[in-house]
Amino acid sequence: MGKISKHHRHVVFETSWGFCGLGGVGDCLRYSTLPVSGTAEALELIAARQSDSRYDAALFGDLQKQVRAYFEGTYVDFSDVPADLSNMSTFSRHVLAACRSIPYGQTASYARLAAIAGSPRAIRAAGSVMAANPLPLIIPCHRIIRSDGRVGSFSATGGPQLKVRLLAVEAQGACGDMRRQALVV
């Protein structure tokens, strides 16, 4: 096994929906971006999370393939992707773990998310954690909707329209062959 780098690294790669970014330290994923229109915009989002990061085209190569497949409409289960959330508060880690438990093709309300996280009265606080999610798509904050069934806001570039598109892709995939297995690369 090779030496694990302690330097922050990132990659920007193209998907059918636009350019995504992944970043972390060593083999630990710390942040991701949803698709944006160009590499410069993706790099800006990465710099907002980690300004002293080096580019590494091979970083998280398998995950890059999975993200591309997701945006092509393939069922992909990101629930086992190792994520480093050590810089988050305990409450935030609980909310993010609860969000991660919402299956592909399903949604939960902010109230349900707070309850799953063990803080049923912290609905607004859970929403704030979703707005600051460092790993959108990997931690599927787009699956969290309002109690009245409306999608609500979405802090990612593309706003609620992107959230609707993500939910539509998953609804289409969930209605397809339920026997299909998660993409393995």
C-alpha atoms as a PDB file:
ATOM      1  CA  MET A   1       0.000   0.000   0.000  1.00  0.00           C
ATOM      2  CA  GLY A   2       1.349   3.412  -0.962  1.00  0.00           C
ATOM      3  CA  LYS A   3       1.977   6.343   1.278  1.00  0.00           C
ATOM      4  CA  ILE A   4      -1.200   8.306   2.072  1.00  0.00           C
ATOM      5  CA  SER A   5      -0.905  11.993   1.275  1.00  0.00           C
ATOM      6  CA  LYS A   6      -1.805  14.461   4.011  1.00  0.00           C
ATOM      7  CA  HIS A   7      -2.313  17.226   1.444  1.00  0.00           C
ATOM      8  CA  HIS A   8      -5.700  18.474   0.400  1.00  0.00           C
ATOM      9  CA  ARG A   9      -6.430  17.321  -3.130  1.00  0.00           C
ATOM     10  CA  HIS A  10      -9.319  17.841  -5.518  1.00  0.00           C
ATOM     11  CA  VAL A  11     -10.546  16.845  -8.935  1.00  0.00           C
ATOM     12  CA  VAL A  12     -13.007  18.443 -11.330  1.00  0.00           C
ATOM     13  CA  PHE A  13     -14.571  16.162 -13.918  1.00  0.00           C
ATOM     14  CA  GLU A  14     -17.288  16.346 -16.520  1.00  0.00           C
ATOM     15  CA  THR A  15     -20.639  14.560 -16.313  1.00  0.00           C
ATOM     16  CA  SER A  16     -23.570  14.695 -18.703  1.00  0.00           C
ATOM     17  CA  TRP A  17     -25.102  17.381 -16.438  1.00  0.00           C
ATOM     18  CA  GLY A  18     -22.000  19.571 -16.100  1.00  0.00           C
ATOM     19  CA  PHE A  19     -18.795  19.709 -14.088  1.00  0.00           C
ATOM     20  CA  CYS A  20     -18.554  18.169 -10.619  1.00  0.00           C
ATOM     21  CA  GLY A  21     -15.814  18.336  -8.017  1.00  0.00           C
ATOM     22  CA  LEU A  22     -14.545  16.026  -5.285  1.00  0.00           C
ATOM     23  CA  GLY A  23     -11.972  16.821  -2.640  1.00  0.00           C
ATOM     24  CA  GLY A  24     -10.337  15.466   0.434  1.00  0.00           C
ATOM     25  CA  VAL A  25      -7.191  14.454   2.235  1.00  0.00           C
ATOM     26  CA  GLY A  26      -5.569  11.151   1.420  1.00  0.00           C
ATOM     27  CA  ASP A  27      -8.381   8.681   0.763  1.00  0.00           C
ATOM     28  CA  CYS A  28     -10.908  10.648   2.839  1.00  0.00           C
ATOM     29  CA  LEU A  29     -13.663  12.435   0.927  1.00  0.00           C
ATOM     30  CA  ARG A  30     -14.420  15.767   2.593  1.00  0.00           C
ATOM     31  CA  TYR A  31     -16.423  17.730   0.045  1.00  0.00           C
ATOM     32  CA  SER A  32     -18.171  17.430  -3.288  1.00  0.00           C
ATOM     33  CA  THR A  33     -20.025  19.675  -5.671  1.00  0.00           C
ATOM     34  CA  LEU A  34     -23.117  19.151  -7.733  1.00  0.00           C
ATOM     35  CA  PRO A  35     -22.866  19.866 -11.474  1.00  0.00           C
ATOM     36  CA  VAL A  36     -22.162  23.408 -12.608  1.00  0.00           C
ATOM     37  CA  SER A  37     -21.666  24.843 -16.083  1.00  0.00           C
ATOM     38  CA  GLY A  38     -17.866  24.946 -16.195  1.00  0.00           C
ATOM     39  CA  THR A  39     -14.600  24.018 -14.558  1.00  0.00           C
ATOM     40  CA  ALA A  40     -13.997  27.558 -13.282  1.00  0.00           C
ATOM     41  CA  GLU A  41     -17.300  27.528 -11.396  1.00  0.00           C
ATOM     42  CA  ALA A  42     -16.537  24.077  -9.949  1.00  0.00           C
ATOM     43  CA  LEU A  43     -13.084  25.276  -8.873  1.00  0.00           C
ATOM     44  CA  GLU A  44     -14.657  28.293  -7.143  1.00  0.00           C
ATOM     45  CA  LEU A  45     -16.920  25.983  -5.158  1.00  0.00           C
ATOM     46  CA  ILE A  46     -13.930  23.833  -4.199  1.00  0.00           C
ATOM     47  CA  ALA A  47     -11.865  26.881  -3.186  1.00  0.00           C
ATOM     48  CA  ALA A  48     -14.723  27.997  -0.929  1.00  0.00           C
ATOM     49  CA  ARG A  49     -14.370  24.683   0.946  1.00  0.00           C
ATOM     50  CA  GLN A  50     -10.580  24.273   0.779  1.00  0.00           C
ATOM     51  CA  SER A  51      -8.360  26.998  -0.641  1.00  0.00           C
ATOM     52  CA  ASP A  52      -5.011  25.172  -0.353  1.00  0.00           C
ATOM     53  CA  SER A  53      -5.905  22.140  -2.438  1.00  0.00           C
ATOM     54  CA  ARG A  54      -3.873  20.500  -5.231  1.00  0.00           C
ATOM     55  CA  TYR A  55      -5.428  19.122  -8.405  1.00  0.00           C
ATOM     56  CA  ASP A  56      -5.239  15.332  -8.858  1.00  0.00           C
ATOM     57  CA  ALA A  57      -7.033  13.951 -11.930  1.00  0.00           C
ATOM     58  CA  ALA A  58      -6.975  10.392 -10.556  1.00  0.00           C
ATOM     59  CA  LEU A  59      -8.451  11.328  -7.166  1.00  0.00           C
ATOM     60  CA  PHE A  60     -11.453   9.150  -6.245  1.00  0.00           C
ATOM     61  CA  GLY A  61     -11.406   7.564  -9.711  1.00  0.00           C
ATOM     62  CA  ASP A  62     -14.061   4.954  -8.914  1.00  0.00           C
ATOM     63  CA  LEU A  63     -16.302   7.570  -7.336  1.00  0.00           C
ATOM     64  CA  GLN A  64     -15.934   9.765 -10.428  1.00  0.00           C
ATOM     65  CA  LYS A  65     -17.268   6.837 -12.501  1.00  0.00           C
ATOM     66  CA  GLN A  66     -20.176   6.353 -10.091  1.00  0.00           C
ATOM     67  CA  VAL A  67     -21.103  10.046 -10.179  1.00  0.00           C
ATOM     68  CA  ARG A  68     -21.026  10.043 -13.996  1.00  0.00           C
ATOM     69  CA  ALA A  69     -23.233   6.938 -14.033  1.00  0.00           C
ATOM     70  CA  TYR A  70     -25.703   8.548 -11.619  1.00  0.00           C
ATOM     71  CA  PHE A  71     -26.164  11.509 -13.948  1.00  0.00           C
ATOM     72  CA  GLU A  72     -26.731   9.087 -16.828  1.00  0.00           C
ATOM     73  CA  GLY A  73     -29.720   7.704 -14.912  1.00  0.00           C
ATOM     74  CA  THR A  74     -28.063   4.609 -13.443  1.00  0.00           C
ATOM     75  CA  TYR A  75     -28.990   3.554  -9.926  1.00  0.00           C
ATOM     76  CA  VAL A  76     -25.964   4.272  -7.748  1.00  0.00           C
ATOM     77  CA  ASP A  77     -25.792   3.717  -4.010  1.00  0.00           C
ATOM     78  CA  PHE A  78     -23.404   6.211  -2.416  1.00  0.00           C
ATOM     79  CA  SER A  79     -24.234   5.152   1.154  1.00  0.00           C
ATOM     80  CA  ASP A  80     -20.977   3.258   1.627  1.00  0.00           C
ATOM     81  CA  VAL A  81     -18.657   5.970   0.275  1.00  0.00           C
ATOM     82  CA  PRO A  82     -16.300   6.828   3.165  1.00  0.00           C
ATOM     83  CA  ALA A  83     -16.841  10.441   4.196  1.00  0.00           C
ATOM     84  CA  ASP A  84     -14.788  12.474   6.632  1.00  0.00           C
ATOM     85  CA  LEU A  85     -17.143  14.655   8.661  1.00  0.00           C
ATOM     86  CA  SER A  86     -14.793  15.065  11.623  1.00  0.00           C
ATOM     87  CA  ASN A  87     -14.859  18.858  11.323  1.00  0.00           C
ATOM     88  CA  MET A  88     -18.658  18.921  11.812  1.00  0.00           C
ATOM     89  CA  SER A  89     -20.530  19.220  15.105  1.00  0.00           C
ATOM     90  CA  THR A  90     -22.029  16.100  16.679  1.00  0.00           C
ATOM     91  CA  PHE A  91     -25.523  17.334  15.817  1.00  0.00           C
ATOM     92  CA  SER A  92     -24.515  17.944  12.185  1.00  0.00           C
ATOM     93  CA  ARG A  93     -22.976  14.478  11.903  1.00  0.00           C
ATOM     94  CA  HIS A  94     -26.213  12.929  13.251  1.00  0.00           C
ATOM     95  CA  VAL A  95     -28.336  14.892  10.763  1.00  0.00           C
ATOM     96  CA  LEU A  96     -26.030  14.023   7.848  1.00  0.00           C
ATOM     97  CA  ALA A  97     -26.073  10.340   8.830  1.00  0.00           C
ATOM     98  CA  ALA A  98     -29.875  10.449   9.007  1.00  0.00           C
ATOM     99  CA  CYS A  99     -30.000  12.031   5.564  1.00  0.00           C
ATOM    100  CA  ARG A 100     -27.676   9.371   4.217  1.00  0.00           C
ATOM    101  CA  SER A 101     -30.126   6.701   5.386  1.00  0.00           C
ATOM    102  CA  ILE A 102     -32.883   7.959   3.026  1.00  0.00           C
ATOM    103  CA  PRO A 103     -32.884   5.438   0.167  1.00  0.00           C
ATOM    104  CA  TYR A 104     -32.494   6.246  -3.517  1.00  0.00           C
ATOM    105  CA  GLY A 105     -35.823   7.246  -5.046  1.00  0.00           C
ATOM    106  CA  GLN A 106     -37.393   8.174  -1.697  1.00  0.00           C
ATOM    107  CA  THR A 107     -37.804  11.442   0.173  1.00  0.00           C
ATOM    108  CA  ALA A 108     -38.277  12.506   3.771  1.00  0.00           C
ATOM    109  CA  SER A 109     -39.460  15.747   5.308  1.00  0.00           C
ATOM    110  CA  TYR A 110     -37.200  18.036   7.306  1.00  0.00           C
ATOM    111  CA  ALA A 111     -39.312  17.056  10.342  1.00  0.00           C
ATOM    112  CA  ARG A 112     -38.721  13.353   9.670  1.00  0.00           C
ATOM    113  CA  LEU A 113     -35.003  14.010   9.168  1.00  0.00           C
ATOM    114  CA  ALA A 114     -34.773  15.761  12.549  1.00  0.00           C
ATOM    115  CA  ALA A 115     -36.607  12.846  14.180  1.00  0.00           C
ATOM    116  CA  ILE A 116     -34.333  10.232  12.566  1.00  0.00           C
ATOM    117  CA  ALA A 117     -31.336  12.269  13.770  1.00  0.00           C
ATOM    118  CA  GLY A 118     -32.660  12.043  17.328  1.00  0.00           C
ATOM    119  CA  SER A 119     -33.683  15.707  17.644  1.00  0.00           C
ATOM    120  CA  PRO A 120     -37.363  15.853  16.601  1.00  0.00           C
ATOM    121  CA  ARG A 121     -37.777  19.495  17.634  1.00  0.00           C
ATOM    122  CA  ALA A 122     -34.696  20.708  15.715  1.00  0.00           C
ATOM    123  CA  ILE A 123     -36.390  20.924  12.324  1.00  0.00           C
ATOM    124  CA  ARG A 124     -34.960  24.309  11.318  1.00  0.00           C
ATOM    125  CA  ALA A 125     -31.505  23.367  12.594  1.00  0.00           C
ATOM    126  CA  ALA A 126     -31.642  20.166  10.520  1.00  0.00           C
ATOM    127  CA  GLY A 127     -32.549  22.305   7.506  1.00  0.00           C
ATOM    128  CA  SER A 128     -29.523  24.505   8.174  1.00  0.00           C
ATOM    129  CA  VAL A 129     -27.299  21.423   8.219  1.00  0.00           C
ATOM    130  CA  MET A 130     -28.744  20.385   4.861  1.00  0.00           C
ATOM    131  CA  ALA A 131     -27.982  23.854   3.439  1.00  0.00           C
ATOM    132  CA  ALA A 132     -24.344  23.478   4.536  1.00  0.00           C
ATOM    133  CA  ASN A 133     -23.948  19.825   3.471  1.00  0.00           C
ATOM    134  CA  PRO A 134     -20.302  19.427   2.375  1.00  0.00           C
ATOM    135  CA  LEU A 135     -21.087  16.298   0.332  1.00  0.00           C
ATOM    136  CA  PRO A 136     -24.194  16.874  -1.794  1.00  0.00           C
ATOM    137  CA  LEU A 137     -25.199  13.803  -3.806  1.00  0.00           C
ATOM    138  CA  ILE A 138     -23.011  11.557  -1.604  1.00  0.00           C
ATOM    139  CA  ILE A 139     -25.135  12.702   1.337  1.00  0.00           C
ATOM    140  CA  PRO A 140     -28.418  13.148  -0.564  1.00  0.00           C
ATOM    141  CA  CYS A 141     -29.773  16.419   0.819  1.00  0.00           C
ATOM    142  CA  HIS A 142     -31.913  16.708  -2.330  1.00  0.00           C
ATOM    143  CA  ARG A 143     -34.110  13.921  -0.888  1.00  0.00           C
ATOM    144  CA  ILE A 144     -35.218  16.147   1.998  1.00  0.00           C
ATOM    145  CA  ILE A 145     -38.418  18.044   1.235  1.00  0.00           C
ATOM    146  CA  ARG A 146     -41.034  20.085   3.055  1.00  0.00           C
ATOM    147  CA  SER A 147     -43.751  18.383   5.108  1.00  0.00           C
ATOM    148  CA  ASP A 148     -46.376  19.625   2.637  1.00  0.00           C
ATOM    149  CA  GLY A 149     -44.683  17.678  -0.176  1.00  0.00           C
ATOM    150  CA  ARG A 150     -43.151  20.693  -1.936  1.00  0.00           C
ATOM    151  CA  VAL A 151     -39.428  20.537  -2.631  1.00  0.00           C
ATOM    152  CA  GLY A 152     -38.538  23.651  -0.672  1.00  0.00           C
ATOM    153  CA  SER A 153     -35.290  25.495  -1.140  1.00  0.00           C
ATOM    154  CA  PHE A 154     -31.966  24.122  -2.278  1.00  0.00           C
ATOM    155  CA  SER A 155     -28.710  25.978  -1.668  1.00  0.00           C
ATOM    156  CA  ALA A 156     -26.752  24.354  -4.510  1.00  0.00           C
ATOM    157  CA  THR A 157     -26.133  26.164  -7.778  1.00  0.00           C
ATOM    158  CA  GLY A 158     -29.290  25.520  -9.775  1.00  0.00           C
ATOM    159  CA  GLY A 159     -31.537  25.934  -6.745  1.00  0.00           C
ATOM    160  CA  PRO A 160     -34.866  24.120  -6.404  1.00  0.00           C
ATOM    161  CA  GLN A 161     -34.935  23.346 -10.149  1.00  0.00           C
ATOM    162  CA  LEU A 162     -31.823  21.196  -9.742  1.00  0.00           C
ATOM    163  CA  LYS A 163     -33.400  19.481  -6.730  1.00  0.00           C
ATOM    164  CA  VAL A 164     -36.467  18.649  -8.842  1.00  0.00           C
ATOM    165  CA  ARG A 165     -34.233  17.237 -11.614  1.00  0.00           C
ATOM    166  CA  LEU A 166     -32.317  15.058  -9.141  1.00  0.00           C
ATOM    167  CA  LEU A 167     -35.534  13.729  -7.624  1.00  0.00           C
ATOM    168  CA  ALA A 168     -36.942  13.051 -11.112  1.00  0.00           C
ATOM    169  CA  VAL A 169     -33.861  11.031 -12.097  1.00  0.00           C
ATOM    170  CA  GLU A 170     -34.179   8.943  -8.964  1.00  0.00           C
ATOM    171  CA  ALA A 171     -37.944   8.497  -9.359  1.00  0.00           C
ATOM    172  CA  GLN A 172     -37.402   7.256 -12.898  1.00  0.00           C
ATOM    173  CA  GLY A 173     -34.640   4.893 -11.769  1.00  0.00           C
ATOM    174  CA  ALA A 174     -36.667   3.667  -8.783  1.00  0.00           C
ATOM    175  CA  CYS A 175     -39.618   2.892 -11.046  1.00  0.00           C
ATOM    176  CA  GLY A 176     -37.415   0.821 -13.339  1.00  0.00           C
ATOM    177  CA  ASP A 177     -36.051  -2.624 -12.655  1.00  0.00           C
ATOM    178  CA  MET A 178     -35.859  -2.820  -8.865  1.00  0.00           C
ATOM    179  CA  ARG A 179     -33.696  -5.914  -9.132  1.00  0.00           C
ATOM    180  CA  ARG A 180     -30.793  -3.936 -10.567  1.00  0.00           C
ATOM    181  CA  GLN A 181     -27.775  -3.786  -8.326  1.00  0.00           C
ATOM    182  CA  ALA A 182     -25.838  -0.681  -7.328  1.00  0.00           C
ATOM    183  CA  LEU A 183     -23.127   0.210  -9.802  1.00  0.00           C
ATOM    184  CA  VAL A 184     -19.905  -1.472  -8.780  1.00  0.00           C
ATOM    185  CA  VAL A 185     -16.655  -0.195 -10.237  1.00  0.00           C
END
